[in-house]
C-alpha atoms as a PDB file:
ATOM      1  CA  MET A   1      47.314  -5.600 -53.510  1.00  0.00           C
ATOM      2  CA  SER A   2      44.942  -7.780 -52.290  1.00  0.00           C
ATOM      3  CA  SER A   3      44.465  -8.599 -48.964  1.00  0.00           C
ATOM      4  CA  LYS A   4      42.979 -11.750 -48.785  1.00  0.00           C
ATOM      5  CA  ILE A   5      44.709 -15.078 -47.479  1.00  0.00           C
ATOM      6  CA  PHE A   6      45.111 -18.504 -49.578  1.00  0.00           C
ATOM      7  CA  VAL A   7      46.558 -21.671 -48.048  1.00  0.00           C
ATOM      8  CA  GLU A   8      47.213 -24.610 -50.656  1.00  0.00           C
ATOM      9  CA  THR A   9      45.519 -27.715 -49.404  1.00  0.00           C
ATOM     10  CA  GLY A  10      46.508 -30.373 -52.147  1.00  0.00           C
ATOM     11  CA  ASN A  11      45.437 -28.940 -54.909  1.00  0.00           C
ATOM     12  CA  LEU A  12      42.402 -26.808 -53.852  1.00  0.00           C
ATOM     13  CA  LYS A  13      42.839 -23.158 -53.226  1.00  0.00           C
ATOM     14  CA  LEU A  14      40.845 -21.352 -50.148  1.00  0.00           C
ATOM     15  CA  GLY A  15      40.329 -17.879 -50.202  1.00  0.00           C
ATOM     16  CA  ASN A  16      38.775 -15.748 -47.004  1.00  0.00           C
ATOM     17  CA  ILE A  17      39.312 -18.327 -44.598  1.00  0.00           C
ATOM     18  CA  MET A  18      37.629 -17.575 -41.317  1.00  0.00           C
ATOM     19  CA  VAL A  19      38.415 -18.765 -37.409  1.00  0.00           C
ATOM     20  CA  ASN A  20      36.439 -20.110 -35.110  1.00  0.00           C
ATOM     21  CA  ARG A  21      38.821 -20.820 -31.998  1.00  0.00           C
ATOM     22  CA  VAL A  22      38.848 -20.004 -28.486  1.00  0.00           C
ATOM     23  CA  VAL A  23      41.144 -20.540 -25.766  1.00  0.00           C
ATOM     24  CA  LEU A  24      40.100 -19.976 -22.067  1.00  0.00           C
ATOM     25  CA  ILE A  25      41.246 -20.306 -18.466  1.00  0.00           C
ATOM     26  CA  GLY A  26      38.984 -20.835 -15.274  1.00  0.00           C
ATOM     27  CA  ARG A  27      37.744 -22.443 -12.771  1.00  0.00           C
ATOM     28  CA  LEU A  28      34.865 -25.096 -12.855  1.00  0.00           C
ATOM     29  CA  THR A  29      31.944 -24.023 -11.361  1.00  0.00           C
ATOM     30  CA  ARG A  30      30.523 -27.858 -10.886  1.00  0.00           C
ATOM     31  CA  ASP A  31      31.739 -31.421 -10.989  1.00  0.00           C
ATOM     32  CA  PRO A  32      31.431 -32.460 -14.759  1.00  0.00           C
ATOM     33  CA  GLU A  33      28.799 -34.005 -16.013  1.00  0.00           C
ATOM     34  CA  LEU A  34      29.231 -37.853 -17.904  1.00  0.00           C
ATOM     35  CA  ARG A  35      26.482 -39.188 -20.068  1.00  0.00           C
ATOM     36  CA  MET A  36      26.088 -41.220 -22.770  1.00  0.00           C
ATOM     37  CA  THR A  37      24.724 -40.385 -26.506  1.00  0.00           C
ATOM     38  CA  THR A  38      21.625 -42.223 -28.444  1.00  0.00           C
ATOM     39  CA  SER A  39      25.044 -43.380 -30.246  1.00  0.00           C
ATOM     40  CA  GLY A  40      27.001 -44.536 -27.474  1.00  0.00           C
ATOM     41  CA  LYS A  41      29.181 -41.889 -27.551  1.00  0.00           C
ATOM     42  CA  LYS A  42      30.740 -40.195 -23.905  1.00  0.00           C
ATOM     43  CA  VAL A  43      29.965 -36.492 -23.735  1.00  0.00           C
ATOM     44  CA  CYS A  44      31.066 -34.406 -20.409  1.00  0.00           C
ATOM     45  CA  GLU A  45      29.041 -31.147 -19.539  1.00  0.00           C
ATOM     46  CA  PHE A  46      30.788 -28.729 -17.509  1.00  0.00           C
ATOM     47  CA  SER A  47      30.635 -24.484 -16.685  1.00  0.00           C
ATOM     48  CA  ILE A  48      33.582 -22.589 -16.183  1.00  0.00           C
ATOM     49  CA  ALA A  49      34.142 -19.228 -14.269  1.00  0.00           C
ATOM     50  CA  VAL A  50      36.552 -16.935 -16.052  1.00  0.00           C
ATOM     51  CA  GLN A  51      37.236 -13.663 -14.001  1.00  0.00           C
ATOM     52  CA  LYS A  52      37.257 -10.644 -15.968  1.00  0.00           C
ATOM     53  CA  ARG A  53      40.259  -8.358 -16.131  1.00  0.00           C
ATOM     54  CA  MET A  54      38.812  -5.206 -13.888  1.00  0.00           C
ATOM     55  CA  LYS A  55      35.945  -5.776 -11.360  1.00  0.00           C
ATOM     56  CA  PRO A  56      32.609  -4.106 -12.458  1.00  0.00           C
ATOM     57  CA  MET A  57      31.512  -1.158 -10.681  1.00  0.00           C
ATOM     58  CA  ASP A  58      28.193  -1.558 -10.977  1.00  0.00           C
ATOM     59  CA  GLY A  59      28.136  -5.067  -8.280  1.00  0.00           C
ATOM     60  CA  SER A  60      27.578  -7.238 -11.207  1.00  0.00           C
ATOM     61  CA  PRO A  61      29.738 -10.420 -11.460  1.00  0.00           C
ATOM     62  CA  ASP A  62      33.153 -10.090 -11.630  1.00  0.00           C
ATOM     63  CA  ALA A  63      33.542 -13.334 -13.815  1.00  0.00           C
ATOM     64  CA  ASP A  64      32.478 -14.452 -17.380  1.00  0.00           C
ATOM     65  CA  PHE A  65      30.758 -18.125 -16.824  1.00  0.00           C
ATOM     66  CA  PHE A  66      30.763 -20.330 -20.037  1.00  0.00           C
ATOM     67  CA  ARG A  67      29.313 -23.814 -20.792  1.00  0.00           C
ATOM     68  CA  VAL A  68      31.676 -26.551 -22.193  1.00  0.00           C
ATOM     69  CA  ILE A  69      31.204 -29.341 -23.845  1.00  0.00           C
ATOM     70  CA  ALA A  70      33.858 -32.587 -23.783  1.00  0.00           C
ATOM     71  CA  TRP A  71      33.298 -36.320 -25.813  1.00  0.00           C
ATOM     72  CA  GLU A  72      34.551 -39.326 -25.781  1.00  0.00           C
ATOM     73  CA  LYS A  73      38.145 -39.658 -24.074  1.00  0.00           C
ATOM     74  CA  THR A  74      38.577 -35.671 -22.678  1.00  0.00           C
ATOM     75  CA  ALA A  75      34.825 -36.371 -21.506  1.00  0.00           C
ATOM     76  CA  GLU A  76      35.419 -39.507 -19.368  1.00  0.00           C
ATOM     77  CA  PHE A  77      38.953 -38.394 -18.028  1.00  0.00           C
ATOM     78  CA  LEU A  78      37.538 -34.889 -16.563  1.00  0.00           C
ATOM     79  CA  THR A  79      34.992 -36.699 -15.113  1.00  0.00           C
ATOM     80  CA  ASN A  80      37.592 -38.680 -13.139  1.00  0.00           C
ATOM     81  CA  TYR A  81      39.920 -36.662 -12.586  1.00  0.00           C
ATOM     82  CA  VAL A  82      38.760 -33.137 -12.465  1.00  0.00           C
ATOM     83  CA  GLY A  83      36.490 -31.341 -10.559  1.00  0.00           C
ATOM     84  CA  LYS A  84      34.737 -28.205  -9.092  1.00  0.00           C
ATOM     85  CA  GLY A  85      36.881 -25.561  -8.347  1.00  0.00           C
ATOM     86  CA  ARG A  86      39.970 -26.889 -10.371  1.00  0.00           C
ATOM     87  CA  LEU A  87      41.611 -24.607 -12.791  1.00  0.00           C
ATOM     88  CA  VAL A  88      41.795 -25.626 -16.141  1.00  0.00           C
ATOM     89  CA  ALA A  89      42.587 -24.609 -19.657  1.00  0.00           C
ATOM     90  CA  VAL A  90      40.172 -25.376 -22.386  1.00  0.00           C
ATOM     91  CA  ASP A  91      40.648 -24.955 -26.258  1.00  0.00           C
ATOM     92  CA  GLY A  92      37.819 -25.304 -28.471  1.00  0.00           C
ATOM     93  CA  ARG A  93      35.330 -23.295 -31.278  1.00  0.00           C
ATOM     94  CA  LEU A  94      31.936 -21.839 -30.254  1.00  0.00           C
ATOM     95  CA  GLN A  95      29.164 -23.265 -31.401  1.00  0.00           C
ATOM     96  CA  SER A  96      25.682 -21.628 -31.265  1.00  0.00           C
ATOM     97  CA  ARG A  97      21.746 -24.057 -31.386  1.00  0.00           C
ATOM     98  CA  LYS A  98      18.433 -23.809 -31.021  1.00  0.00           C
ATOM     99  CA  TYR A  99      16.141 -26.472 -28.999  1.00  0.00           C
ATOM    100  CA  THR A 100      12.472 -25.767 -28.231  1.00  0.00           C
ATOM    101  CA  ALA A 101      12.149 -25.999 -23.938  1.00  0.00           C
ATOM    102  CA  ALA A 102       9.778 -28.252 -22.200  1.00  0.00           C
ATOM    103  CA  ASP A 103       7.794 -25.071 -22.101  1.00  0.00           C
ATOM    104  CA  GLY A 104       7.290 -24.549 -25.400  1.00  0.00           C
ATOM    105  CA  THR A 105       9.769 -21.544 -26.078  1.00  0.00           C
ATOM    106  CA  ASN A 106      12.158 -21.321 -28.800  1.00  0.00           C
ATOM    107  CA  ARG A 107      16.127 -21.183 -27.341  1.00  0.00           C
ATOM    108  CA  GLU A 108      19.455 -20.808 -28.280  1.00  0.00           C
ATOM    109  CA  ILE A 109      22.521 -21.863 -26.630  1.00  0.00           C
ATOM    110  CA  THR A 110      26.194 -20.852 -27.192  1.00  0.00           C
ATOM    111  CA  GLU A 111      28.707 -23.326 -25.716  1.00  0.00           C
ATOM    112  CA  ILE A 112      32.368 -24.124 -26.413  1.00  0.00           C
ATOM    113  CA  VAL A 113      33.044 -27.734 -27.703  1.00  0.00           C
ATOM    114  CA  SER A 114      36.171 -28.199 -26.508  1.00  0.00           C
ATOM    115  CA  ASP A 115      39.409 -30.078 -28.586  1.00  0.00           C
ATOM    116  CA  THR A 116      41.445 -29.986 -25.584  1.00  0.00           C
ATOM    117  CA  VAL A 117      40.885 -29.512 -21.359  1.00  0.00           C
ATOM    118  CA  GLN A 118      43.838 -29.377 -19.292  1.00  0.00           C
ATOM    119  CA  PRO A 119      44.064 -29.307 -16.161  1.00  0.00           C
ATOM    120  CA  LEU A 120      46.561 -26.474 -14.676  1.00  0.00           C
ATOM    121  CA  ASP A 121      46.470 -26.866 -10.625  1.00  0.00           C
ATOM    122  CA  ARG A 122      46.553 -29.826  -9.191  1.00  0.00           C
ATOM    123  CA  PRO A 123      43.597 -30.984  -6.558  1.00  0.00           C
ATOM    124  CA  ARG A 124      44.013 -29.835  -2.795  1.00  0.00           C
ATOM    125  CA  GLU A 125      44.634 -32.377  -0.536  1.00  0.00           C
ATOM    126  CA  ASP A 126      41.944 -31.530   1.948  1.00  0.00           C
ATOM    127  CA  GLN A 127      39.161 -31.623  -0.463  1.00  0.00           C
ATOM    128  CA  PRO A 128      39.847 -35.321  -2.643  1.00  0.00           C
ATOM    129  CA  ARG A 129      38.454 -35.872  -5.964  1.00  0.00           C
ATOM    130  CA  ASP A 130      36.448 -39.161  -5.448  1.00  0.00           C
ATOM    131  CA  THR A 131      36.295 -40.886  -8.862  1.00  0.00           C
ATOM    132  CA  VAL A 132      33.176 -40.801 -10.831  1.00  0.00           C
ATOM    133  CA  GLU A 133      32.129 -44.218 -12.570  1.00  0.00           C
ATOM    134  CA  ALA A 134      31.571 -44.083 -16.056  1.00  0.00           C
ATOM    135  CA  GLY A 135      28.001 -42.991 -17.215  1.00  0.00           C
ATOM    136  CA  ALA A 136      26.995 -41.163 -14.251  1.00  0.00           C
ATOM    137  CA  VAL A 137      25.486 -38.493 -14.030  1.00  0.00           C
ATOM    138  CA  SER A 138      25.956 -35.664 -11.196  1.00  0.00           C
ATOM    139  CA  GLY A 139      22.485 -35.056  -9.658  1.00  0.00           C
ATOM    140  CA  ASP A 140      23.709 -31.152  -8.971  1.00  0.00           C
ATOM    141  CA  ALA A 141      22.191 -28.393 -10.264  1.00  0.00           C
ATOM    142  CA  ALA A 142      24.911 -25.603 -11.273  1.00  0.00           C
ATOM    143  CA  PRO A 143      24.847 -23.051  -8.560  1.00  0.00           C
ATOM    144  CA  SER A 144      24.024 -19.281  -9.694  1.00  0.00           C
ATOM    145  CA  VAL A 145      26.316 -16.776 -10.014  1.00  0.00           C
ATOM    146  CA  ASP A 146      25.244 -15.405  -6.844  1.00  0.00           C
ATOM    147  CA  GLU A 147      25.892 -18.533  -4.809  1.00  0.00           C
ATOM    148  CA  TYR A 148      28.740 -19.359  -5.553  1.00  0.00           C
ATOM    149  CA  ASP A 149      32.153 -17.692  -6.157  1.00  0.00           C
ATOM    150  CA  PRO A 150      35.051 -19.429  -7.749  1.00  0.00           C
ATOM    151  CA  PHE A 151      38.149 -17.462  -6.958  1.00  0.00           C
ATOM    152  CA  ALA A 152      36.766 -17.810  -3.084  1.00  0.00           C
ATOM    153  CA  ASP A 153      39.674 -19.456  -0.898  1.00  0.00           C
ATOM    154  CA  ASN A 154      37.840 -21.625   1.219  1.00  0.00           C
END
């Protein structure tokens, strides 16, 4: 008996299905940055910190940091209503791409391309999120792992 899975889609039968699905819950490490592609599509980049189940004993960070990309209406929503420190659920897929850096070195990056991003908490009243005009780009660089604790109560 075969252990292959078959799905029938119309007249097409697919075998050996592969899945590329990521679901993460974490806190934004910086405000989302909205920009426009050369073809006019809205894209937003941000990072989230996902706390590890157990604190590392070697002194390394107790969170993993992931770069996330959102497109169009999701990108616009995030830029306008979600900011640094907010808890979000990200559902999407992993994407790996290669590029040449300004110094001529070849680099590879793995990031999450989101299908949906859902805020899971409310903004704190003492730190209201200013709305950002569509097309604006934040000038702040992402803090280093050593500079920012996304799980601090401050």
